[in-house]
N, C-alpha and C. Protein backbone atom coordinates (compact mmCIF):
# COMPACT_ATOMS: atom_id res chain seq x y z
N MET A 1 -153.44 131.70 -94.91
CA MET A 1 -153.17 130.83 -96.47
C MET A 1 -152.08 130.02 -95.22
N SER A 2 -151.39 130.10 -93.83
CA SER A 2 -150.61 129.00 -93.44
C SER A 2 -151.37 128.46 -92.27
N SER A 3 -153.00 128.41 -92.00
CA SER A 3 -153.71 127.94 -91.18
C SER A 3 -154.11 126.98 -92.07
N ILE A 4 -154.56 126.96 -93.54
CA ILE A 4 -154.61 126.00 -94.30
C ILE A 4 -153.86 125.07 -94.77
N LEU A 5 -152.68 125.08 -94.41
CA LEU A 5 -151.19 125.03 -94.72
C LEU A 5 -151.36 123.41 -93.70
N ILE A 6 -151.48 124.24 -92.22
CA ILE A 6 -151.46 123.67 -91.17
C ILE A 6 -152.64 122.63 -91.30
N THR A 7 -153.11 122.82 -91.95
CA THR A 7 -154.60 122.02 -91.54
C THR A 7 -154.35 121.12 -93.00
N ILE A 8 -154.06 120.99 -93.78
CA ILE A 8 -153.65 120.32 -94.76
C ILE A 8 -152.04 119.42 -94.33
N PHE A 9 -151.59 119.32 -93.40
CA PHE A 9 -149.99 118.83 -92.96
C PHE A 9 -151.07 117.96 -92.02
N ILE A 10 -151.56 118.55 -90.88
CA ILE A 10 -152.11 117.86 -90.10
C ILE A 10 -153.13 115.64 -90.20
N VAL A 11 -154.07 116.49 -91.35
CA VAL A 11 -154.67 115.97 -91.93
C VAL A 11 -154.01 115.09 -92.62
N ALA A 12 -153.09 115.11 -93.51
CA ALA A 12 -151.48 114.11 -94.27
C ALA A 12 -151.44 113.25 -93.25
N VAL A 13 -150.48 113.71 -92.09
CA VAL A 13 -149.75 112.89 -90.54
C VAL A 13 -150.83 112.24 -90.01
N GLN A 14 -151.94 112.67 -90.04
CA GLN A 14 -153.11 112.05 -89.51
C GLN A 14 -153.25 110.41 -90.41
N ASN A 15 -153.58 110.95 -91.01
CA ASN A 15 -153.60 109.66 -93.08
C ASN A 15 -152.56 108.80 -92.92
N TYR A 16 -151.48 109.38 -92.52
CA TYR A 16 -150.26 108.21 -92.66
C TYR A 16 -150.18 107.51 -91.27
N LEU A 17 -149.98 108.37 -90.08
CA LEU A 17 -150.53 107.28 -88.68
C LEU A 17 -151.34 106.46 -88.57
N SER A 18 -152.54 106.94 -89.52
CA SER A 18 -153.92 106.24 -89.22
C SER A 18 -153.88 104.54 -90.12
N THR A 19 -152.88 104.67 -90.98
CA THR A 19 -152.74 103.32 -91.82
C THR A 19 -151.28 102.67 -91.73
N ARG A 20 -150.55 102.79 -90.43
CA ARG A 20 -149.45 101.61 -89.62
C ARG A 20 -149.95 100.51 -89.26
N ARG A 21 -149.14 99.66 -88.78
CA ARG A 21 -149.00 98.66 -88.40
C ARG A 21 -149.87 98.99 -86.97
N TYR A 22 -149.60 99.57 -86.47
CA TYR A 22 -150.13 99.85 -84.81
C TYR A 22 -151.29 100.63 -84.71
N TRP A 23 -152.27 100.31 -84.49
CA TRP A 23 -153.53 100.88 -84.40
C TRP A 23 -153.52 102.55 -83.36
N ALA A 24 -152.57 102.79 -82.34
CA ALA A 24 -152.79 103.70 -81.10
C ALA A 24 -152.01 104.62 -82.16
N LEU A 25 -150.97 104.91 -83.10
CA LEU A 25 -151.04 105.70 -83.57
C LEU A 25 -151.36 106.71 -84.32
N GLY A 26 -152.57 106.50 -84.88
CA GLY A 26 -154.10 107.00 -84.97
C GLY A 26 -154.57 107.80 -83.88
N GLY A 27 -153.97 107.40 -83.08
CA GLY A 27 -155.15 108.41 -82.31
C GLY A 27 -154.48 109.00 -81.35
N ILE A 28 -153.01 109.38 -81.43
CA ILE A 28 -151.96 111.04 -81.64
C ILE A 28 -152.69 111.83 -81.50
N ILE A 29 -153.51 112.04 -82.82
CA ILE A 29 -153.93 113.67 -83.14
C ILE A 29 -155.09 113.72 -82.15
N PRO A 30 -156.12 112.82 -82.58
CA PRO A 30 -157.50 113.24 -82.30
C PRO A 30 -157.04 113.60 -80.68
N ILE A 31 -156.07 112.49 -79.74
CA ILE A 31 -156.41 112.54 -78.38
C ILE A 31 -155.63 114.32 -78.07
N LEU A 32 -154.95 114.48 -78.34
CA LEU A 32 -154.11 115.89 -78.98
C LEU A 32 -154.69 116.85 -78.99
N TYR A 33 -155.52 116.65 -80.09
CA TYR A 33 -156.95 117.91 -80.40
C TYR A 33 -158.05 117.84 -79.16
N PHE A 34 -158.47 116.97 -78.85
CA PHE A 34 -159.29 116.76 -77.96
C PHE A 34 -159.12 117.95 -76.60
N MET A 35 -158.25 117.54 -75.84
CA MET A 35 -157.28 117.63 -74.96
C MET A 35 -157.23 119.60 -75.54
N PHE A 36 -156.37 119.97 -76.26
CA PHE A 36 -156.50 121.46 -76.98
C PHE A 36 -157.69 121.94 -76.94
N ALA A 37 -158.66 121.64 -77.26
CA ALA A 37 -160.44 121.63 -77.06
C ALA A 37 -160.68 122.02 -76.30
N ILE A 38 -160.74 121.01 -75.33
CA ILE A 38 -161.03 121.96 -74.23
C ILE A 38 -160.27 122.28 -73.51
N TRP A 39 -159.14 122.55 -73.78
CA TRP A 39 -158.40 123.43 -73.28
C TRP A 39 -158.48 125.04 -73.26
N PHE A 40 -159.60 125.15 -74.51
CA PHE A 40 -159.15 126.21 -75.41
C PHE A 40 -160.54 126.88 -75.40
N LYS A 41 -161.22 125.67 -75.02
CA LYS A 41 -162.73 125.91 -74.53
C LYS A 41 -162.70 126.38 -73.02
N VAL A 42 -162.49 126.10 -72.38
CA VAL A 42 -162.64 126.59 -70.88
C VAL A 42 -161.36 127.37 -70.53
N TYR A 43 -160.01 127.92 -71.14
CA TYR A 43 -159.51 128.97 -70.36
C TYR A 43 -159.26 130.01 -71.74
N LYS A 44 -159.70 129.72 -72.61
CA LYS A 44 -159.14 130.68 -73.53
C LYS A 44 -160.74 130.97 -74.33
N ALA A 45 -161.85 130.73 -74.76
CA ALA A 45 -162.26 131.24 -75.49
C ALA A 45 -163.92 130.13 -75.10
N PRO A 46 -164.75 131.01 -73.86
CA PRO A 46 -165.84 130.01 -73.63
C PRO A 46 -167.36 129.99 -74.39
N THR A 47 -167.15 131.81 -74.93
CA THR A 47 -168.57 131.88 -75.61
C THR A 47 -167.73 130.69 -77.32
N PHE A 48 -167.03 130.10 -77.42
CA PHE A 48 -166.43 129.97 -78.81
C PHE A 48 -167.00 128.84 -79.18
N ARG A 49 -168.39 128.43 -80.38
CA ARG A 49 -168.86 127.34 -80.45
C ARG A 49 -168.61 125.73 -80.35
N THR A 50 -169.54 125.61 -79.35
CA THR A 50 -168.35 123.92 -79.49
C THR A 50 -168.65 123.17 -80.23
N SER A 51 -169.82 123.06 -81.44
CA SER A 51 -169.99 122.26 -82.42
C SER A 51 -169.08 121.98 -83.21
N LEU A 52 -168.52 123.43 -83.61
CA LEU A 52 -167.26 123.32 -84.16
C LEU A 52 -165.88 122.46 -83.71
N LEU A 53 -165.72 122.65 -82.70
CA LEU A 53 -165.02 121.74 -82.09
C LEU A 53 -165.51 119.73 -81.76
N ILE A 54 -166.40 120.19 -81.81
CA ILE A 54 -166.58 118.45 -81.77
C ILE A 54 -166.42 118.03 -83.50
N ILE A 55 -167.18 118.98 -84.05
CA ILE A 55 -166.64 118.21 -85.97
C ILE A 55 -165.24 118.87 -85.83
N LEU A 56 -164.97 119.32 -85.86
CA LEU A 56 -163.18 118.99 -86.45
C LEU A 56 -162.91 117.42 -85.80
N GLY A 57 -163.58 117.45 -84.65
CA GLY A 57 -162.36 116.30 -83.30
C GLY A 57 -163.13 115.02 -84.61
N VAL A 58 -164.47 114.83 -84.92
CA VAL A 58 -165.23 113.73 -85.65
C VAL A 58 -164.72 113.41 -86.61
N THR A 59 -164.18 114.53 -87.19
CA THR A 59 -163.43 113.99 -88.53
C THR A 59 -162.46 113.98 -88.51
N LEU A 60 -161.97 113.73 -87.50
CA LEU A 60 -160.23 113.40 -87.23
C LEU A 60 -160.61 111.37 -86.31
N LEU A 61 -161.03 111.02 -85.66
CA LEU A 61 -161.90 110.29 -85.35
C LEU A 61 -162.03 109.31 -86.72
N TRP A 62 -162.47 109.80 -87.95
CA TRP A 62 -163.38 109.58 -88.92
C TRP A 62 -161.97 108.94 -89.77
N ILE A 63 -160.70 109.53 -89.93
CA ILE A 63 -159.98 109.58 -90.66
C ILE A 63 -159.02 109.00 -90.38
N TRP A 64 -159.00 108.39 -88.85
CA TRP A 64 -158.42 107.25 -88.49
C TRP A 64 -159.26 105.85 -88.42
N GLU A 65 -160.01 106.06 -88.17
CA GLU A 65 -161.06 104.88 -88.76
C GLU A 65 -160.74 104.44 -89.97
N ASN A 66 -161.49 105.47 -91.05
CA ASN A 66 -160.73 104.83 -92.54
C ASN A 66 -159.66 104.65 -93.03
N GLY A 67 -157.96 104.83 -92.33
CA GLY A 67 -156.89 104.35 -92.30
C GLY A 67 -157.12 102.66 -91.51
N ARG A 68 -157.40 102.56 -90.37
CA ARG A 68 -157.62 101.04 -90.29
C ARG A 68 -158.19 100.24 -91.00
N LYS A 69 -159.42 100.94 -91.78
CA LYS A 69 -160.07 99.75 -92.50
C LYS A 69 -159.11 100.08 -94.36
N GLN A 70 -158.30 100.58 -94.08
CA GLN A 70 -157.16 100.62 -95.15
C GLN A 70 -156.42 99.52 -95.29
N TYR A 71 -155.38 99.89 -93.93
CA TYR A 71 -154.79 98.89 -93.53
C TYR A 71 -155.44 97.65 -93.44
N LYS A 72 -156.55 97.26 -92.63
CA LYS A 72 -157.10 95.76 -92.82
C LYS A 72 -156.92 95.42 -93.75
N LYS A 73 -157.72 96.08 -95.00
CA LYS A 73 -157.70 96.00 -96.20
C LYS A 73 -156.75 95.51 -97.18
N LYS A 74 -155.38 96.02 -96.53
CA LYS A 74 -154.07 95.72 -97.67
C LYS A 74 -153.49 94.68 -96.90
N ILE A 75 -153.61 94.21 -95.45
CA ILE A 75 -153.06 93.24 -94.86
C ILE A 75 -154.20 91.80 -95.59
N ASN A 76 -155.50 91.55 -95.64
CA ASN A 76 -156.13 90.87 -96.18
C ASN A 76 -155.75 90.67 -98.13
N LYS A 77 -155.51 91.53 -98.36
CA LYS A 77 -155.09 91.42 -99.64
C LYS A 77 -153.63 90.85 -100.12
N GLU A 78 -153.00 90.95 -98.67
CA GLU A 78 -151.58 89.94 -98.94
C GLU A 78 -151.45 88.51 -99.00
N ILE A 79 -152.58 88.25 -97.90
CA ILE A 79 -152.73 87.36 -97.15
C ILE A 79 -153.39 86.27 -98.18
N ASP A 80 -154.50 86.88 -99.37
CA ASP A 80 -155.06 86.39 -100.02
C ASP A 80 -154.03 86.47 -101.07
N LYS A 81 -153.10 87.06 -101.38
CA LYS A 81 -151.89 86.48 -102.37
C LYS A 81 -151.15 85.43 -101.94
N MET A 82 -150.92 85.21 -100.44
CA MET A 82 -149.77 84.43 -100.25
C MET A 82 -150.64 82.93 -99.99
N LYS A 83 -152.18 82.83 -99.69
CA LYS A 83 -152.83 81.97 -99.96
C LYS A 83 -152.75 81.33 -101.78
N SER A 84 -153.11 82.41 -101.82
CA SER A 84 -153.16 82.01 -103.66
C SER A 84 -151.72 80.71 -104.23
N LYS A 85 -150.98 81.50 -103.69
CA LYS A 85 -149.47 80.82 -103.59
C LYS A 85 -149.22 79.70 -103.33
N ASP A 86 -149.64 79.32 -102.15
CA ASP A 86 -149.10 78.67 -101.65
C ASP A 86 -150.25 77.23 -102.20
N ILE A 87 -151.64 77.68 -102.89
CA ILE A 87 -151.96 76.33 -103.36
C ILE A 87 -151.79 76.08 -104.88
């Protein structure tokens, strides 16, 4: 149960950071995750399936990319509103 709550929390934080003005904020969790995954694979569980670690990392990167798209869409919408008011 606690692992599900931790996962939901991490995904929520990743989504929040990805939609902020500064694009690098969304990269914090994926970078930390990949560092942890490498450490885990090398030192703790060399026989653990690498594919699962990669899938989770790619999912975090996908959330980051979608957050950037949402942010750009929001900014473009605001710019369009400002342009329409100027005319």
